[in-house]
Structure formats: structure tokens, C-alpha cells
Amino acid sequence: MFTHHTISSDLVRDLDAQLNRLGAVAAVWHTETPALVAIGRGFPYPVQLRHPTLSTFVEAEMIAARLNALQGIGDRHRIAILQSMIDAGGHGYGSFVGEC
């Protein structure tokens, strides 16, 4: 059964501000616990965003999709950015640099 999650407008506003400062879009970090990261063309690594602990990967994906929709970014664009990071010699999802 799917549990409905309410995404706080304050959280979205805070994360959107972090992404705008970095000139980046959101992606989900898939490790032991879900986390949101900033990715962008020219980034050698994803940058971890500051946010409260997320309960599920579904919640993280929903937040990332909402953030990216604010910027008019879809999955194809996000995947293209990840590919450009890998092609540029970055490590994509292999590691990240600190927090935003």
C-alpha cells in the first residue's frame, strides 16, 4: 500500500534556494538512507543538499521531481546532466562533496 506524503512548502522553498545558489538541479542519492543532491553541468561531483532526514526513497524522488519541475527540468535533462558529469571525468553518483 502506498502511503501519501505531504511535502512541506517550506522545505521545497529552502531546497529550491540551495539549488538556485548552485545553479543546479536535484537528484536523489541512493545509499543506505535517501538524500537529495545538487547536480549540474561542470560539477565534478554531486553536492549534498541540507534537509531533514527523509523517510523513503519515494519521498526523496517526489521532492526532487517537484524541485526540478519548478525549473522546467524533466528526467531526460537530469539524466543528460549526470551523463555530462561522468563524461567530464566526474564520478556521478560515486561520491559527493560536502554539503551545500
PDB file of N, CA and C in Angstrom:
ATOM      1  N   MET A   1       0.836  -1.177   0.000  1.00  0.00           N
ATOM      2  CA  MET A   1       0.000   0.000   0.000  1.00  0.00           C
ATOM      3  C   MET A   1       0.880   1.239   0.000  1.00  0.00           C
ATOM      4  N   PHE A   2       0.510   2.225  -0.796  1.00  0.00           N
ATOM      5  CA  PHE A   2       1.287   3.459  -0.906  1.00  0.00           C
ATOM      6  C   PHE A   2       0.842   4.441   0.163  1.00  0.00           C
ATOM      7  N   THR A   3       1.783   4.996   0.894  1.00  0.00           N
ATOM      8  CA  THR A   3       1.489   5.991   1.916  1.00  0.00           C
ATOM      9  C   THR A   3       1.655   7.379   1.316  1.00  0.00           C
ATOM     10  N   HIS A   4       0.659   8.222   1.506  1.00  0.00           N
ATOM     11  CA  HIS A   4       0.713   9.587   0.980  1.00  0.00           C
ATOM     12  C   HIS A   4       1.643  10.435   1.847  1.00  0.00           C
ATOM     13  N   HIS A   5       2.561  11.140   1.206  1.00  0.00           N
ATOM     14  CA  HIS A   5       3.480  12.025   1.912  1.00  0.00           C
ATOM     15  C   HIS A   5       3.148  13.465   1.555  1.00  0.00           C
ATOM     16  N   THR A   6       3.111  14.323   2.546  1.00  0.00           N
ATOM     17  CA  THR A   6       2.926  15.742   2.310  1.00  0.00           C
ATOM     18  C   THR A   6       4.301  16.385   2.296  1.00  0.00           C
ATOM     19  N   ILE A   7       4.582  17.089   1.227  1.00  0.00           N
ATOM     20  CA  ILE A   7       5.875  17.752   1.099  1.00  0.00           C
ATOM     21  C   ILE A   7       5.701  19.200   1.525  1.00  0.00           C
ATOM     22  N   SER A   8       6.410  19.596   2.539  1.00  0.00           N
ATOM     23  CA  SER A   8       6.304  20.936   3.101  1.00  0.00           C
ATOM     24  C   SER A   8       6.736  22.005   2.095  1.00  0.00           C
ATOM     25  N   SER A   9       5.932  23.053   1.982  1.00  0.00           N
ATOM     26  CA  SER A   9       6.285  24.175   1.110  1.00  0.00           C
ATOM     27  C   SER A   9       7.561  24.858   1.585  1.00  0.00           C
ATOM     28  N   ASP A  10       7.762  24.896   2.898  1.00  0.00           N
ATOM     29  CA  ASP A  10       8.990  25.492   3.442  1.00  0.00           C
ATOM     30  C   ASP A  10      10.220  24.695   3.017  1.00  0.00           C
ATOM     31  N   LEU A  11      10.106  23.373   3.048  1.00  0.00           N
ATOM     32  CA  LEU A  11      11.220  22.523   2.626  1.00  0.00           C
ATOM     33  C   LEU A  11      11.523  22.748   1.147  1.00  0.00           C
ATOM     34  N   VAL A  12      10.486  22.765   0.318  1.00  0.00           N
ATOM     35  CA  VAL A  12      10.675  22.982  -1.115  1.00  0.00           C
ATOM     36  C   VAL A  12      11.325  24.347  -1.358  1.00  0.00           C
ATOM     37  N   ARG A  13      10.862  25.366  -0.675  1.00  0.00           N
ATOM     38  CA  ARG A  13      11.418  26.715  -0.835  1.00  0.00           C
ATOM     39  C   ARG A  13      12.903  26.746  -0.443  1.00  0.00           C
ATOM     40  N   ASP A  14      13.240  26.091   0.683  1.00  0.00           N
ATOM     41  CA  ASP A  14      14.628  26.064   1.144  1.00  0.00           C
ATOM     42  C   ASP A  14      15.529  25.307   0.160  1.00  0.00           C
ATOM     43  N   LEU A  15      15.072  24.142  -0.289  1.00  0.00           N
ATOM     44  CA  LEU A  15      15.868  23.350  -1.235  1.00  0.00           C
ATOM     45  C   LEU A  15      16.001  24.064  -2.576  1.00  0.00           C
ATOM     46  N   ASP A  16      14.930  24.720  -3.029  1.00  0.00           N
ATOM     47  CA  ASP A  16      14.974  25.466  -4.283  1.00  0.00           C
ATOM     48  C   ASP A  16      15.998  26.596  -4.187  1.00  0.00           C
ATOM     49  N   ALA A  17      16.062  27.262  -3.044  1.00  0.00           N
ATOM     50  CA  ALA A  17      17.050  28.330  -2.851  1.00  0.00           C
ATOM     51  C   ALA A  17      18.472  27.765  -2.909  1.00  0.00           C
ATOM     52  N   GLN A  18      18.685  26.593  -2.296  1.00  0.00           N
ATOM     53  CA  GLN A  18      20.010  25.972  -2.349  1.00  0.00           C
ATOM     54  C   GLN A  18      20.392  25.638  -3.788  1.00  0.00           C
ATOM     55  N   LEU A  19      19.450  25.075  -4.539  1.00  0.00           N
ATOM     56  CA  LEU A  19      19.715  24.720  -5.935  1.00  0.00           C
ATOM     57  C   LEU A  19      19.996  25.967  -6.776  1.00  0.00           C
ATOM     58  N   ASN A  20      19.234  27.019  -6.551  1.00  0.00           N
ATOM     59  CA  ASN A  20      19.438  28.257  -7.312  1.00  0.00           C
ATOM     60  C   ASN A  20      20.806  28.869  -7.035  1.00  0.00           C
ATOM     61  N   ARG A  21      21.255  28.837  -5.771  1.00  0.00           N
ATOM     62  CA  ARG A  21      22.596  29.351  -5.433  1.00  0.00           C
ATOM     63  C   ARG A  21      23.680  28.589  -6.189  1.00  0.00           C
ATOM     64  N   LEU A  22      23.459  27.293  -6.356  1.00  0.00           N
ATOM     65  CA  LEU A  22      24.447  26.445  -7.020  1.00  0.00           C
ATOM     66  C   LEU A  22      24.280  26.407  -8.541  1.00  0.00           C
ATOM     67  N   GLY A  23      23.139  26.872  -9.048  1.00  0.00           N
ATOM     68  CA  GLY A  23      22.855  26.760 -10.470  1.00  0.00           C
ATOM     69  C   GLY A  23      22.719  25.294 -10.872  1.00  0.00           C
ATOM     70  N   ALA A  24      21.959  24.538 -10.067  1.00  0.00           N
ATOM     71  CA  ALA A  24      21.902  23.088 -10.220  1.00  0.00           C
ATOM     72  C   ALA A  24      20.465  22.589 -10.216  1.00  0.00           C
ATOM     73  N   VAL A  25      20.328  21.293 -10.472  1.00  0.00           N
ATOM     74  CA  VAL A  25      19.042  20.608 -10.369  1.00  0.00           C
ATOM     75  C   VAL A  25      19.170  19.517  -9.315  1.00  0.00           C
ATOM     76  N   ALA A  26      18.027  18.958  -8.919  1.00  0.00           N
ATOM     77  CA  ALA A  26      18.011  17.965  -7.845  1.00  0.00           C
ATOM     78  C   ALA A  26      18.088  16.541  -8.385  1.00  0.00           C
ATOM     79  N   ALA A  27      18.743  15.694  -7.615  1.00  0.00           N
ATOM     80  CA  ALA A  27      18.779  14.258  -7.875  1.00  0.00           C
ATOM     81  C   ALA A  27      18.754  13.558  -6.514  1.00  0.00           C
ATOM     82  N   VAL A  28      18.473  12.271  -6.534  1.00  0.00           N
ATOM     83  CA  VAL A  28      18.412  11.504  -5.289  1.00  0.00           C
ATOM     84  C   VAL A  28      19.674  10.693  -5.137  1.00  0.00           C
ATOM     85  N   TRP A  29      20.242  10.736  -3.959  1.00  0.00           N
ATOM     86  CA  TRP A  29      21.442   9.986  -3.600  1.00  0.00           C
ATOM     87  C   TRP A  29      20.988   8.647  -3.063  1.00  0.00           C
ATOM     88  N   HIS A  30      21.352   7.582  -3.709  1.00  0.00           N
ATOM     89  CA  HIS A  30      20.914   6.233  -3.310  1.00  0.00           C
ATOM     90  C   HIS A  30      22.010   5.532  -2.522  1.00  0.00           C
ATOM     91  N   THR A  31      21.966   5.711  -1.221  1.00  0.00           N
ATOM     92  CA  THR A  31      22.851   4.993  -0.305  1.00  0.00           C
ATOM     93  C   THR A  31      21.950   4.327   0.731  1.00  0.00           C
ATOM     94  N   GLU A  32      22.429   4.156   1.930  1.00  0.00           N
ATOM     95  CA  GLU A  32      21.624   3.491   2.962  1.00  0.00           C
ATOM     96  C   GLU A  32      20.358   4.273   3.290  1.00  0.00           C
ATOM     97  N   THR A  33      20.446   5.592   3.286  1.00  0.00           N
ATOM     98  CA  THR A  33      19.276   6.433   3.523  1.00  0.00           C
ATOM     99  C   THR A  33      19.149   7.406   2.357  1.00  0.00           C
ATOM    100  N   PRO A  34      17.930   7.794   2.013  1.00  0.00           N
ATOM    101  CA  PRO A  34      17.764   8.708   0.881  1.00  0.00           C
ATOM    102  C   PRO A  34      18.243  10.112   1.210  1.00  0.00           C
ATOM    103  N   ALA A  35      18.865  10.740   0.241  1.00  0.00           N
ATOM    104  CA  ALA A  35      19.318  12.122   0.390  1.00  0.00           C
ATOM    105  C   ALA A  35      19.168  12.817  -0.952  1.00  0.00           C
ATOM    106  N   LEU A  36      18.976  14.115  -0.903  1.00  0.00           N
ATOM    107  CA  LEU A  36      18.898  14.920  -2.113  1.00  0.00           C
ATOM    108  C   LEU A  36      20.243  15.579  -2.364  1.00  0.00           C
ATOM    109  N   VAL A  37      20.649  15.587  -3.623  1.00  0.00           N
ATOM    110  CA  VAL A  37      21.903  16.220  -4.016  1.00  0.00           C
ATOM    111  C   VAL A  37      21.648  17.174  -5.168  1.00  0.00           C
ATOM    112  N   ALA A  38      22.579  18.096  -5.342  1.00  0.00           N
ATOM    113  CA  ALA A  38      22.554  19.032  -6.465  1.00  0.00           C
ATOM    114  C   ALA A  38      23.515  18.519  -7.522  1.00  0.00           C
ATOM    115  N   ILE A  39      23.070  18.543  -8.773  1.00  0.00           N
ATOM    116  CA  ILE A  39      23.934  18.164  -9.889  1.00  0.00           C
ATOM    117  C   ILE A  39      23.858  19.258 -10.942  1.00  0.00           C
ATOM    118  N   GLY A  40      24.919  19.397 -11.708  1.00  0.00           N
ATOM    119  CA  GLY A  40      24.917  20.390 -12.770  1.00  0.00           C
ATOM    120  C   GLY A  40      26.045  20.135 -13.740  1.00  0.00           C
ATOM    121  N   ARG A  41      25.883  20.658 -14.936  1.00  0.00           N
ATOM    122  CA  ARG A  41      26.957  20.544 -15.940  1.00  0.00           C
ATOM    123  C   ARG A  41      28.188  21.257 -15.391  1.00  0.00           C
ATOM    124  N   GLY A  42      29.317  20.586 -15.495  1.00  0.00           N
ATOM    125  CA  GLY A  42      30.553  21.147 -14.965  1.00  0.00           C
ATOM    126  C   GLY A  42      30.832  20.783 -13.519  1.00  0.00           C
ATOM    127  N   PHE A  43      29.884  20.143 -12.847  1.00  0.00           N
ATOM    128  CA  PHE A  43      30.108  19.694 -11.472  1.00  0.00           C
ATOM    129  C   PHE A  43      30.927  18.405 -11.525  1.00  0.00           C
ATOM    130  N   PRO A  44      32.039  18.314 -10.798  1.00  0.00           N
ATOM    131  CA  PRO A  44      32.784  17.056 -10.777  1.00  0.00           C
ATOM    132  C   PRO A  44      32.080  15.991  -9.923  1.00  0.00           C
ATOM    133  N   TYR A  45      31.295  16.437  -8.946  1.00  0.00           N
ATOM    134  CA  TYR A  45      30.606  15.535  -8.035  1.00  0.00           C
ATOM    135  C   TYR A  45      29.263  16.140  -7.658  1.00  0.00           C
ATOM    136  N   PRO A  46      28.299  15.303  -7.264  1.00  0.00           N
ATOM    137  CA  PRO A  46      27.060  15.839  -6.692  1.00  0.00           C
ATOM    138  C   PRO A  46      27.360  16.541  -5.367  1.00  0.00           C
ATOM    139  N   VAL A  47      26.569  17.532  -5.034  1.00  0.00           N
ATOM    140  CA  VAL A  47      26.723  18.268  -3.772  1.00  0.00           C
ATOM    141  C   VAL A  47      25.509  17.960  -2.913  1.00  0.00           C
ATOM    142  N   GLN A  48      25.740  17.484  -1.710  1.00  0.00           N
ATOM    143  CA  GLN A  48      24.628  17.135  -0.828  1.00  0.00           C
ATOM    144  C   GLN A  48      23.905  18.402  -0.390  1.00  0.00           C
ATOM    145  N   LEU A  49      22.577  18.378  -0.461  1.00  0.00           N
ATOM    146  CA  LEU A  49      21.754  19.493  -0.014  1.00  0.00           C
ATOM    147  C   LEU A  49      21.418  19.328   1.463  1.00  0.00           C
ATOM    148  N   ARG A  50      21.221  20.450   2.146  1.00  0.00           N
ATOM    149  CA  ARG A  50      20.811  20.407   3.557  1.00  0.00           C
ATOM    150  C   ARG A  50      19.299  20.189   3.616  1.00  0.00           C
ATOM    151  N   HIS A  51      18.887  19.147   4.332  1.00  0.00           N
ATOM    152  CA  HIS A  51      17.463  18.868   4.511  1.00  0.00           C
ATOM    153  C   HIS A  51      17.294  17.911   5.677  1.00  0.00           C
ATOM    154  N   PRO A  52      16.068  17.862   6.233  1.00  0.00           N
ATOM    155  CA  PRO A  52      15.817  16.893   7.300  1.00  0.00           C
ATOM    156  C   PRO A  52      15.909  15.467   6.762  1.00  0.00           C
ATOM    157  N   THR A  53      16.012  14.513   7.642  1.00  0.00           N
ATOM    158  CA  THR A  53      16.065  13.107   7.246  1.00  0.00           C
ATOM    159  C   THR A  53      14.797  12.742   6.484  1.00  0.00           C
ATOM    160  N   LEU A  54      14.979  12.098   5.349  1.00  0.00           N
ATOM    161  CA  LEU A  54      13.852  11.662   4.530  1.00  0.00           C
ATOM    162  C   LEU A  54      13.535  10.218   4.865  1.00  0.00           C
ATOM    163  N   SER A  55      12.256   9.882   4.888  1.00  0.00           N
ATOM    164  CA  SER A  55      11.875   8.551   5.353  1.00  0.00           C
ATOM    165  C   SER A  55      11.998   7.469   4.287  1.00  0.00           C
ATOM    166  N   THR A  56      11.789   7.820   3.013  1.00  0.00           N
ATOM    167  CA  THR A  56      11.836   6.807   1.963  1.00  0.00           C
ATOM    168  C   THR A  56      12.443   7.389   0.686  1.00  0.00           C
ATOM    169  N   PHE A  57      12.869   6.486  -0.187  1.00  0.00           N
ATOM    170  CA  PHE A  57      13.363   6.931  -1.488  1.00  0.00           C
ATOM    171  C   PHE A  57      12.233   7.500  -2.338  1.00  0.00           C
ATOM    172  N   VAL A  58      11.023   7.002  -2.140  1.00  0.00           N
ATOM    173  CA  VAL A  58       9.871   7.548  -2.870  1.00  0.00           C
ATOM    174  C   VAL A  58       9.680   9.008  -2.493  1.00  0.00           C
ATOM    175  N   GLU A  59       9.750   9.312  -1.199  1.00  0.00           N
ATOM    176  CA  GLU A  59       9.631  10.695  -0.744  1.00  0.00           C
ATOM    177  C   GLU A  59      10.727  11.551  -1.367  1.00  0.00           C
ATOM    178  N   ALA A  60      11.954  11.065  -1.389  1.00  0.00           N
ATOM    179  CA  ALA A  60      13.067  11.812  -1.969  1.00  0.00           C
ATOM    180  C   ALA A  60      12.837  12.066  -3.459  1.00  0.00           C
ATOM    181  N   GLU A  61      12.388  11.053  -4.183  1.00  0.00           N
ATOM    182  CA  GLU A  61      12.114  11.205  -5.617  1.00  0.00           C
ATOM    183  C   GLU A  61      10.986  12.193  -5.863  1.00  0.00           C
ATOM    184  N   MET A  62       9.953  12.171  -5.020  1.00  0.00           N
ATOM    185  CA  MET A  62       8.850  13.114  -5.165  1.00  0.00           C
ATOM    186  C   MET A  62       9.327  14.546  -4.965  1.00  0.00           C
ATOM    187  N   ILE A  63      10.171  14.754  -3.983  1.00  0.00           N
ATOM    188  CA  ILE A  63      10.700  16.097  -3.724  1.00  0.00           C
ATOM    189  C   ILE A  63      11.592  16.541  -4.878  1.00  0.00           C
ATOM    190  N   ALA A  64      12.475  15.662  -5.346  1.00  0.00           N
ATOM    191  CA  ALA A  64      13.360  16.007  -6.467  1.00  0.00           C
ATOM    192  C   ALA A  64      12.548  16.363  -7.711  1.00  0.00           C
ATOM    193  N   ALA A  65      11.516  15.583  -7.983  1.00  0.00           N
ATOM    194  CA  ALA A  65      10.674  15.858  -9.155  1.00  0.00           C
ATOM    195  C   ALA A  65       9.982  17.208  -9.021  1.00  0.00           C
ATOM    196  N   ARG A  66       9.504  17.511  -7.837  1.00  0.00           N
ATOM    197  CA  ARG A  66       8.835  18.813  -7.611  1.00  0.00           C
ATOM    198  C   ARG A  66       9.814  19.964  -7.780  1.00  0.00           C
ATOM    199  N   LEU A  67      11.006  19.818  -7.223  1.00  0.00           N
ATOM    200  CA  LEU A  67      12.026  20.864  -7.353  1.00  0.00           C
ATOM    201  C   LEU A  67      12.415  21.087  -8.814  1.00  0.00           C
ATOM    202  N   ASN A  68      12.644  19.999  -9.523  1.00  0.00           N
ATOM    203  CA  ASN A  68      13.054  20.104 -10.917  1.00  0.00           C
ATOM    204  C   ASN A  68      11.933  20.664 -11.789  1.00  0.00           C
ATOM    205  N   ALA A  69      10.684  20.339 -11.456  1.00  0.00           N
ATOM    206  CA  ALA A  69       9.547  20.881 -12.205  1.00  0.00           C
ATOM    207  C   ALA A  69       9.482  22.404 -12.070  1.00  0.00           C
ATOM    208  N   LEU A  70       9.878  22.926 -10.910  1.00  0.00           N
ATOM    209  CA  LEU A  70       9.912  24.383 -10.727  1.00  0.00           C
ATOM    210  C   LEU A  70      10.856  25.050 -11.725  1.00  0.00           C
ATOM    211  N   GLN A  71      11.882  24.317 -12.140  1.00  0.00           N
ATOM    212  CA  GLN A  71      12.870  24.836 -13.089  1.00  0.00           C
ATOM    213  C   GLN A  71      12.606  24.359 -14.516  1.00  0.00           C
ATOM    214  N   GLY A  72      11.524  23.605 -14.708  1.00  0.00           N
ATOM    215  CA  GLY A  72      11.214  23.077 -16.033  1.00  0.00           C
ATOM    216  C   GLY A  72      12.137  21.946 -16.458  1.00  0.00           C
ATOM    217  N   ILE A  73      12.679  21.220 -15.480  1.00  0.00           N
ATOM    218  CA  ILE A  73      13.627  20.140 -15.738  1.00  0.00           C
ATOM    219  C   ILE A  73      12.916  18.799 -15.589  1.00  0.00           C
ATOM    220  N   GLY A  74      13.039  17.958 -16.597  1.00  0.00           N
ATOM    221  CA  GLY A  74      12.479  16.611 -16.545  1.00  0.00           C
ATOM    222  C   GLY A  74      13.573  15.578 -16.387  1.00  0.00           C
ATOM    223  N   ASP A  75      13.173  14.314 -16.348  1.00  0.00           N
ATOM    224  CA  ASP A  75      14.128  13.220 -16.160  1.00  0.00           C
ATOM    225  C   ASP A  75      15.168  13.159 -17.265  1.00  0.00           C
ATOM    226  N   ARG A  76      14.776  13.409 -18.512  1.00  0.00           N
ATOM    227  CA  ARG A  76      15.747  13.357 -19.614  1.00  0.00           C
ATOM    228  C   ARG A  76      16.869  14.365 -19.408  1.00  0.00           C
ATOM    229  N   HIS A  77      16.504  15.570 -19.005  1.00  0.00           N
ATOM    230  CA  HIS A  77      17.518  16.610 -18.780  1.00  0.00           C
ATOM    231  C   HIS A  77      18.415  16.228 -17.605  1.00  0.00           C
ATOM    232  N   ARG A  78      17.802  15.719 -16.534  1.00  0.00           N
ATOM    233  CA  ARG A  78      18.580  15.312 -15.354  1.00  0.00           C
ATOM    234  C   ARG A  78      19.559  14.196 -15.723  1.00  0.00           C
ATOM    235  N   ILE A  79      19.119  13.225 -16.512  1.00  0.00           N
ATOM    236  CA  ILE A  79      19.994  12.133 -16.941  1.00  0.00           C
ATOM    237  C   ILE A  79      21.116  12.662 -17.831  1.00  0.00           C
ATOM    238  N   ALA A  80      20.809  13.614 -18.700  1.00  0.00           N
ATOM    239  CA  ALA A  80      21.833  14.211 -19.561  1.00  0.00           C
ATOM    240  C   ALA A  80      22.892  14.925 -18.723  1.00  0.00           C
ATOM    241  N   ILE A  81      22.469  15.588 -17.653  1.00  0.00           N
ATOM    242  CA  ILE A  81      23.425  16.258 -16.766  1.00  0.00           C
ATOM    243  C   ILE A  81      24.324  15.230 -16.089  1.00  0.00           C
ATOM    244  N   LEU A  82      23.732  14.160 -15.578  1.00  0.00           N
ATOM    245  CA  LEU A  82      24.536  13.101 -14.951  1.00  0.00           C
ATOM    246  C   LEU A  82      25.541  12.527 -15.938  1.00  0.00           C
ATOM    247  N   GLN A  83      25.101  12.291 -17.171  1.00  0.00           N
ATOM    248  CA  GLN A  83      25.997  11.741 -18.190  1.00  0.00           C
ATOM    249  C   GLN A  83      27.141  12.718 -18.479  1.00  0.00           C
ATOM    250  N   SER A  84      26.831  14.020 -18.527  1.00  0.00           N
ATOM    251  CA  SER A  84      27.891  15.007 -18.787  1.00  0.00           C
ATOM    252  C   SER A  84      28.898  15.039 -17.644  1.00  0.00           C
ATOM    253  N   MET A  85      28.424  14.830 -16.405  1.00  0.00           N
ATOM    254  CA  MET A  85      29.335  14.794 -15.262  1.00  0.00           C
ATOM    255  C   MET A  85      30.270  13.597 -15.368  1.00  0.00           C
ATOM    256  N   ILE A  86      29.733  12.453 -15.764  1.00  0.00           N
ATOM    257  CA  ILE A  86      30.552  11.246 -15.909  1.00  0.00           C
ATOM    258  C   ILE A  86      31.539  11.412 -17.060  1.00  0.00           C
ATOM    259  N   ASP A  87      31.040  11.945 -18.197  1.00  0.00           N
ATOM    260  CA  ASP A  87      31.896  12.153 -19.364  1.00  0.00           C
ATOM    261  C   ASP A  87      33.025  13.143 -19.083  1.00  0.00           C
ATOM    262  N   ALA A  88      32.785  14.083 -18.180  1.00  0.00           N
ATOM    263  CA  ALA A  88      33.792  15.090 -17.851  1.00  0.00           C
ATOM    264  C   ALA A  88      34.805  14.571 -16.840  1.00  0.00           C
ATOM    265  N   GLY A  89      34.676  13.303 -16.468  1.00  0.00           N
ATOM    266  CA  GLY A  89      35.649  12.727 -15.546  1.00  0.00           C
ATOM    267  C   GLY A  89      35.206  12.753 -14.109  1.00  0.00           C
ATOM    268  N   GLY A  90      33.984  13.234 -13.862  1.00  0.00           N
ATOM    269  CA  GLY A  90      33.454  13.207 -12.506  1.00  0.00           C
ATOM    270  C   GLY A  90      33.042  11.792 -12.168  1.00  0.00           C
ATOM    271  N   HIS A  91      32.551  11.624 -10.996  1.00  0.00           N
ATOM    272  CA  HIS A  91      32.190  10.291 -10.547  1.00  0.00           C
ATOM    273  C   HIS A  91      30.691  10.098 -10.437  1.00  0.00           C
ATOM    274  N   GLY A  92      29.913  11.033 -10.992  1.00  0.00           N
ATOM    275  CA  GLY A  92      28.467  10.866 -10.935  1.00  0.00           C
ATOM    276  C   GLY A  92      27.998  10.583  -9.537  1.00  0.00           C
ATOM    277  N   TYR A  93      27.411   9.421  -9.322  1.00  0.00           N
ATOM    278  CA  TYR A  93      26.909   9.066  -8.010  1.00  0.00           C
ATOM    279  C   TYR A  93      27.949   8.361  -7.154  1.00  0.00           C
ATOM    280  N   GLY A  94      29.188   8.257  -7.614  1.00  0.00           N
ATOM    281  CA  GLY A  94      30.186   7.541  -6.854  1.00  0.00           C
ATOM    282  C   GLY A  94      30.572   8.191  -5.555  1.00  0.00           C
ATOM    283  N   SER A  95      30.552   9.499  -5.509  1.00  0.00           N
ATOM    284  CA  SER A  95      30.914  10.219  -4.287  1.00  0.00           C
ATOM    285  C   SER A  95      30.352  11.626  -4.379  1.00  0.00           C
ATOM    286  N   PHE A  96      30.412  12.360  -3.290  1.00  0.00           N
ATOM    287  CA  PHE A  96      29.922  13.726  -3.329  1.00  0.00           C
ATOM    288  C   PHE A  96      30.822  14.591  -2.467  1.00  0.00           C
ATOM    289  N   VAL A  97      30.671  15.902  -2.679  1.00  0.00           N
ATOM    290  CA  VAL A  97      31.490  16.855  -1.936  1.00  0.00           C
ATOM    291  C   VAL A  97      30.617  17.546  -0.918  1.00  0.00           C
ATOM    292  N   GLY A  98      30.880  17.323   0.363  1.00  0.00           N
ATOM    293  CA  GLY A  98      30.270  18.049   1.457  1.00  0.00           C
ATOM    294  C   GLY A  98      28.806  18.374   1.300  1.00  0.00           C
ATOM    295  N   GLU A  99      28.400  19.402   2.004  1.00  0.00           N
ATOM    296  CA  GLU A  99      27.026  19.867   1.950  1.00  0.00           C
ATOM    297  C   GLU A  99      26.997  21.242   1.331  1.00  0.00           C
ATOM    298  N   CYS A 100      25.829  21.595   0.861  1.00  0.00           N
ATOM    299  CA  CYS A 100      25.594  22.905   0.259  1.00  0.00           C
ATOM    300  C   CYS A 100      25.723  23.975   1.323  1.00  0.00           C
TER     301      CYS A 100
END
